[in-house]
N, C-alpha and C. Protein backbone atom coordinates (compact mmCIF):
# COMPACT_ATOMS: atom_id res chain seq x y z
N ARG A 1 90.02 -58.38 147.42
CA ARG A 1 90.79 -59.18 146.47
C ARG A 1 90.29 -60.62 146.45
N GLN A 2 89.91 -61.13 147.61
CA GLN A 2 89.43 -62.51 147.67
C GLN A 2 88.16 -62.68 146.86
N ARG A 3 87.26 -61.71 146.95
CA ARG A 3 86.02 -61.78 146.19
C ARG A 3 86.29 -61.75 144.69
N PHE A 4 87.28 -60.98 144.28
CA PHE A 4 87.67 -60.91 142.88
C PHE A 4 88.22 -62.25 142.43
N ASP A 5 89.07 -62.85 143.25
CA ASP A 5 89.66 -64.15 142.92
C ASP A 5 88.60 -65.25 142.84
N LEU A 6 87.50 -65.08 143.58
CA LEU A 6 86.42 -66.07 143.55
C LEU A 6 85.47 -65.86 142.38
N GLY A 7 85.73 -64.82 141.58
CA GLY A 7 84.95 -64.62 140.36
C GLY A 7 83.81 -63.63 140.46
N GLU A 8 83.75 -62.87 141.53
CA GLU A 8 82.70 -61.86 141.64
C GLU A 8 82.91 -60.80 140.54
N PRO A 9 81.83 -60.36 139.91
CA PRO A 9 81.97 -59.39 138.81
C PRO A 9 82.68 -58.10 139.26
N LEU A 10 83.54 -57.63 138.40
CA LEU A 10 84.33 -56.45 138.70
C LEU A 10 83.45 -55.23 138.96
N GLU A 11 82.35 -55.11 138.25
CA GLU A 11 81.46 -53.96 138.42
C GLU A 11 80.93 -53.88 139.85
N GLU A 12 80.59 -55.03 140.42
CA GLU A 12 80.08 -55.06 141.79
C GLU A 12 81.18 -54.68 142.78
N LEU A 13 82.37 -55.15 142.53
CA LEU A 13 83.49 -54.83 143.43
C LEU A 13 83.82 -53.35 143.37
N LEU A 14 83.80 -52.78 142.18
CA LEU A 14 84.10 -51.35 142.04
C LEU A 14 83.03 -50.50 142.70
N ALA A 15 81.78 -50.94 142.65
CA ALA A 15 80.69 -50.20 143.28
C ALA A 15 80.87 -50.16 144.80
N GLY A 16 81.47 -51.18 145.37
CA GLY A 16 81.68 -51.24 146.81
C GLY A 16 82.97 -50.59 147.28
N LEU A 17 83.78 -50.15 146.34
CA LEU A 17 85.07 -49.54 146.68
C LEU A 17 84.88 -48.03 146.84
N PRO A 18 85.34 -47.44 147.94
CA PRO A 18 85.16 -46.00 148.12
C PRO A 18 85.89 -45.20 147.05
N GLY A 19 85.25 -44.15 146.56
CA GLY A 19 85.86 -43.29 145.56
C GLY A 19 86.84 -42.30 146.15
N GLU A 20 86.63 -41.96 147.40
CA GLU A 20 87.49 -40.99 148.08
C GLU A 20 88.61 -41.72 148.82
N PRO A 21 89.78 -41.08 148.91
CA PRO A 21 90.90 -41.70 149.64
C PRO A 21 90.58 -41.88 151.14
N TYR A 22 91.14 -42.93 151.70
CA TYR A 22 91.04 -43.15 153.14
C TYR A 22 92.01 -42.22 153.86
N ALA A 23 91.67 -41.82 155.07
CA ALA A 23 92.58 -41.02 155.89
C ALA A 23 93.71 -41.89 156.44
N ASN A 24 93.42 -43.16 156.65
CA ASN A 24 94.41 -44.10 157.17
C ASN A 24 95.35 -44.51 156.04
N PRO A 25 96.67 -44.26 156.18
CA PRO A 25 97.62 -44.57 155.11
C PRO A 25 97.65 -46.05 154.71
N TRP A 26 97.50 -46.95 155.68
CA TRP A 26 97.53 -48.37 155.36
C TRP A 26 96.32 -48.76 154.50
N LEU A 27 95.13 -48.31 154.92
CA LEU A 27 93.92 -48.61 154.15
C LEU A 27 93.98 -47.99 152.76
N GLU A 28 94.50 -46.77 152.67
CA GLU A 28 94.62 -46.11 151.38
C GLU A 28 95.59 -46.87 150.47
N GLY A 29 96.67 -47.36 151.04
CA GLY A 29 97.61 -48.16 150.26
C GLY A 29 96.96 -49.41 149.70
N ARG A 30 96.12 -50.04 150.50
CA ARG A 30 95.41 -51.24 150.04
C ARG A 30 94.41 -50.88 148.93
N ARG A 31 93.73 -49.73 149.10
CA ARG A 31 92.73 -49.30 148.11
C ARG A 31 93.38 -49.04 146.75
N VAL A 32 94.49 -48.28 146.74
CA VAL A 32 95.13 -47.95 145.46
C VAL A 32 95.78 -49.18 144.82
N LYS A 33 96.26 -50.10 145.64
CA LYS A 33 96.82 -51.34 145.09
C LYS A 33 95.73 -52.18 144.44
N LEU A 34 94.58 -52.22 145.08
CA LEU A 34 93.45 -52.97 144.53
C LEU A 34 92.98 -52.35 143.21
N LEU A 35 92.91 -51.02 143.16
CA LEU A 35 92.57 -50.34 141.91
C LEU A 35 93.57 -50.69 140.81
N PHE A 36 94.85 -50.71 141.18
CA PHE A 36 95.91 -51.05 140.23
C PHE A 36 95.73 -52.47 139.71
N GLN A 37 95.44 -53.41 140.60
CA GLN A 37 95.25 -54.80 140.19
C GLN A 37 94.01 -54.97 139.31
N PHE A 38 92.94 -54.26 139.64
CA PHE A 38 91.74 -54.30 138.81
C PHE A 38 92.04 -53.74 137.42
N ALA A 39 92.81 -52.66 137.37
CA ALA A 39 93.16 -52.04 136.09
C ALA A 39 94.01 -53.00 135.25
N GLN A 40 94.93 -53.70 135.89
CA GLN A 40 95.73 -54.69 135.16
C GLN A 40 94.84 -55.77 134.56
N HIS A 41 93.86 -56.21 135.32
CA HIS A 41 92.92 -57.22 134.82
C HIS A 41 92.17 -56.68 133.60
N CYS A 42 91.71 -55.45 133.69
CA CYS A 42 90.98 -54.85 132.57
C CYS A 42 91.87 -54.74 131.34
N GLU A 43 93.12 -54.40 131.57
CA GLU A 43 94.06 -54.28 130.46
C GLU A 43 94.24 -55.65 129.78
N LYS A 44 94.34 -56.70 130.56
CA LYS A 44 94.48 -58.05 130.00
C LYS A 44 93.22 -58.46 129.22
N GLN A 45 92.07 -57.96 129.67
CA GLN A 45 90.81 -58.25 128.99
C GLN A 45 90.57 -57.31 127.80
N ARG A 46 91.51 -56.44 127.54
CA ARG A 46 91.48 -55.46 126.45
C ARG A 46 90.39 -54.41 126.63
N ASP A 47 90.02 -54.15 127.88
CA ASP A 47 89.09 -53.07 128.21
C ASP A 47 89.94 -51.87 128.62
N PHE A 48 90.52 -51.23 127.62
CA PHE A 48 91.50 -50.18 127.88
C PHE A 48 90.89 -48.92 128.48
N ASP A 49 89.63 -48.64 128.17
CA ASP A 49 88.98 -47.45 128.73
C ASP A 49 88.83 -47.57 130.25
N LEU A 50 88.33 -48.73 130.70
CA LEU A 50 88.17 -48.93 132.14
C LEU A 50 89.53 -49.02 132.82
N ALA A 51 90.48 -49.68 132.18
CA ALA A 51 91.83 -49.77 132.75
C ALA A 51 92.40 -48.37 132.94
N GLN A 52 92.24 -47.54 131.94
CA GLN A 52 92.75 -46.17 132.00
C GLN A 52 92.12 -45.41 133.17
N ARG A 53 90.81 -45.54 133.31
CA ARG A 53 90.10 -44.85 134.40
C ARG A 53 90.60 -45.32 135.77
N LEU A 54 90.80 -46.62 135.92
CA LEU A 54 91.25 -47.15 137.20
C LEU A 54 92.70 -46.76 137.50
N TYR A 55 93.55 -46.79 136.49
CA TYR A 55 94.94 -46.37 136.70
C TYR A 55 95.00 -44.91 137.15
N ARG A 56 94.14 -44.08 136.59
CA ARG A 56 94.13 -42.66 136.97
C ARG A 56 93.72 -42.46 138.42
N GLN A 57 92.88 -43.36 138.93
CA GLN A 57 92.43 -43.25 140.31
C GLN A 57 93.45 -43.80 141.31
N SER A 58 94.42 -44.54 140.81
CA SER A 58 95.39 -45.21 141.68
C SER A 58 96.70 -44.43 141.75
N SER A 59 97.23 -44.30 142.94
CA SER A 59 98.55 -43.68 143.12
C SER A 59 99.61 -44.76 143.39
N HIS A 60 99.24 -46.01 143.14
CA HIS A 60 100.16 -47.13 143.35
C HIS A 60 101.37 -46.96 142.43
N PRO A 61 102.57 -47.30 142.90
CA PRO A 61 103.75 -47.18 142.04
C PRO A 61 103.55 -47.95 140.72
N GLY A 62 103.82 -47.28 139.64
CA GLY A 62 103.67 -47.89 138.33
C GLY A 62 102.34 -47.61 137.65
N ALA A 63 101.39 -47.05 138.37
CA ALA A 63 100.06 -46.81 137.80
C ALA A 63 100.12 -45.81 136.65
N ARG A 64 100.92 -44.78 136.81
CA ARG A 64 101.01 -43.77 135.75
C ARG A 64 101.61 -44.37 134.47
N LEU A 65 102.64 -45.16 134.63
CA LEU A 65 103.26 -45.81 133.47
C LEU A 65 102.28 -46.77 132.80
N ARG A 66 101.56 -47.55 133.58
CA ARG A 66 100.59 -48.49 133.02
C ARG A 66 99.47 -47.73 132.31
N ALA A 67 99.08 -46.58 132.84
CA ALA A 67 98.05 -45.77 132.19
C ALA A 67 98.50 -45.36 130.79
N ILE A 68 99.76 -44.95 130.69
CA ILE A 68 100.32 -44.57 129.39
C ILE A 68 100.35 -45.77 128.46
N ARG A 69 100.79 -46.91 128.98
CA ARG A 69 100.86 -48.13 128.16
C ARG A 69 99.47 -48.56 127.68
N SER A 70 98.47 -48.40 128.55
CA SER A 70 97.12 -48.80 128.13
C SER A 70 96.59 -47.88 127.04
N LEU A 71 96.99 -46.61 127.07
CA LEU A 71 96.63 -45.71 125.97
C LEU A 71 97.27 -46.17 124.67
N GLU A 72 98.53 -46.56 124.76
CA GLU A 72 99.24 -47.04 123.57
C GLU A 72 98.61 -48.33 123.03
N ARG A 73 98.32 -49.25 123.93
CA ARG A 73 97.76 -50.54 123.50
C ARG A 73 96.36 -50.37 122.93
N GLY A 74 95.63 -49.40 123.45
CA GLY A 74 94.29 -49.11 122.92
C GLY A 74 94.34 -48.22 121.69
N GLU A 75 95.55 -47.91 121.24
CA GLU A 75 95.79 -47.05 120.08
C GLU A 75 95.08 -45.72 120.20
N ARG A 76 95.15 -45.16 121.40
CA ARG A 76 94.56 -43.84 121.65
C ARG A 76 95.69 -42.82 121.69
N PHE A 77 96.09 -42.41 120.52
CA PHE A 77 97.17 -41.43 120.40
C PHE A 77 96.54 -40.04 120.30
N ALA A 78 97.03 -39.14 121.12
CA ALA A 78 96.47 -37.78 121.12
C ALA A 78 96.89 -37.08 119.87
């Protein structure tokens, strides 16, 4: 999160983030929260496709709702 706040490109941060869940519940909680925060940033930047992908990877509370909202905001109606 600190690297993100310092302006490091999101693509680099995502490349360094493990795709698989951690076995440690605390670390996994941090990982999914970070994915959620990155997705929120993408949503604010109107990058709804990336936001949607990140929300789907996150089990953080509210991620599913935000994923639906990002579909609506991106006008991606099934």
